[in-house]
Amino acid sequence: MDIQERDLFKQPLTLQELKQVLGDRPAADLFSTKSPRYKAMGLEGKSLSNDEMIRLMAEEPYLVRRPSFRIGDRLVVGMDTQQLDALLS
């Protein structure tokens, strides 16, 4: 299995890459509202569109939930060991 690791702080995802990674999933699935940057940017309590969340994640990698795994066409956000085991089996 070919594994590619990416440091989002050294090489942030572009808008296009974020859209590709998300596929049909909403940006909220990958958007970190628990990040201290989220609060520092004054985003708490604001209603953000899908496109706004994608733009913000491209500008500020701290807003991308980690860890995130792309396995084939599936996106696993967070350390969901059951889902990871199932996809890797």
Protein backbone atom coordinates (compact mmCIF):
# COMPACT_ATOMS: atom_id res chain seq x y z
CA MET A 1 0.00 0.00 0.00
CA ASP A 2 1.35 3.40 -0.98
CA ILE A 3 1.15 5.86 1.93
CA GLN A 4 1.63 9.57 1.48
CA GLU A 5 2.01 11.85 4.47
CA ARG A 6 1.53 15.59 4.24
CA ASP A 7 2.35 18.30 6.74
CA LEU A 8 -0.49 20.76 6.24
CA PHE A 9 1.46 23.52 7.96
CA LYS A 10 4.38 23.25 5.54
CA GLN A 11 2.25 22.43 2.49
CA PRO A 12 -1.38 23.57 3.01
CA LEU A 13 -4.14 22.10 0.89
CA THR A 14 -5.33 24.32 -1.94
CA LEU A 15 -8.99 25.11 -2.57
CA GLN A 16 -9.04 22.57 -5.37
CA GLU A 17 -7.38 19.88 -3.23
CA LEU A 18 -9.83 20.45 -0.39
CA LYS A 19 -12.77 20.11 -2.78
CA GLN A 20 -11.27 16.92 -4.17
CA VAL A 21 -10.61 15.45 -0.72
CA LEU A 22 -14.14 16.27 0.43
CA GLY A 23 -15.84 14.91 -2.67
CA ASP A 24 -19.59 14.97 -1.93
CA ARG A 25 -19.11 15.45 1.81
CA PRO A 26 -19.89 18.83 3.37
CA ALA A 27 -16.91 20.99 4.35
CA ALA A 28 -18.20 20.92 7.94
CA ASP A 29 -17.00 17.30 8.16
CA LEU A 30 -13.39 18.47 7.84
CA PHE A 31 -13.72 21.93 9.43
CA SER A 32 -12.38 22.16 12.99
CA THR A 33 -14.59 24.30 15.20
CA LYS A 34 -12.57 23.12 18.22
CA SER A 35 -9.35 24.69 17.01
CA PRO A 36 -8.17 27.65 19.09
CA ARG A 37 -7.71 29.49 15.77
CA TYR A 38 -11.44 29.15 15.11
CA LYS A 39 -12.20 31.17 18.22
CA ALA A 40 -9.26 33.56 17.72
CA MET A 41 -10.52 34.38 14.23
CA GLY A 42 -13.90 35.35 15.68
CA LEU A 43 -15.73 32.55 13.86
CA GLU A 44 -17.55 31.12 16.86
CA GLY A 45 -21.31 31.45 16.45
CA LYS A 46 -21.06 32.55 12.81
CA SER A 47 -22.94 30.70 10.10
CA LEU A 48 -20.46 29.77 7.38
CA SER A 49 -21.28 28.44 3.93
CA ASN A 50 -19.59 25.36 2.52
CA ASP A 51 -17.45 27.54 0.22
CA GLU A 52 -16.46 29.84 3.10
CA MET A 53 -15.30 26.88 5.19
CA ILE A 54 -13.24 25.52 2.29
CA ARG A 55 -11.65 28.94 1.69
CA LEU A 56 -10.84 29.33 5.38
CA MET A 57 -9.26 25.86 5.59
CA ALA A 58 -7.09 26.70 2.56
CA GLU A 59 -5.99 29.95 4.21
CA GLU A 60 -5.59 28.55 7.73
CA PRO A 61 -4.52 24.88 7.98
CA TYR A 62 -5.27 24.86 11.73
CA LEU A 63 -8.94 24.77 10.73
CA VAL A 64 -8.54 21.35 9.06
CA ARG A 65 -9.49 18.53 11.42
CA ARG A 66 -6.64 16.16 12.11
CA PRO A 67 -5.79 13.44 11.67
CA SER A 68 -7.49 12.91 8.35
CA PHE A 69 -6.99 9.93 6.06
CA ARG A 70 -7.86 9.47 2.40
CA ILE A 71 -8.16 5.79 1.52
CA GLY A 72 -9.21 5.29 -2.08
CA ASP A 73 -12.23 7.52 -2.48
CA ARG A 74 -13.09 7.43 1.24
CA LEU A 75 -12.27 10.18 3.73
CA VAL A 76 -11.80 9.28 7.39
CA VAL A 77 -11.70 12.30 9.69
CA GLY A 78 -10.37 11.82 13.19
CA MET A 79 -8.92 8.68 14.71
CA ASP A 80 -11.80 6.34 13.88
CA THR A 81 -9.90 3.07 14.33
CA GLN A 82 -12.91 0.89 13.46
CA GLN A 83 -13.45 2.63 10.14
CA LEU A 84 -9.72 2.62 9.39
CA ASP A 85 -9.45 -1.11 10.17
CA ALA A 86 -12.44 -1.86 7.94
CA LEU A 87 -11.04 0.15 5.02
CA LEU A 88 -7.55 -1.31 5.35
CA SER A 89 -8.71 -4.94 5.64
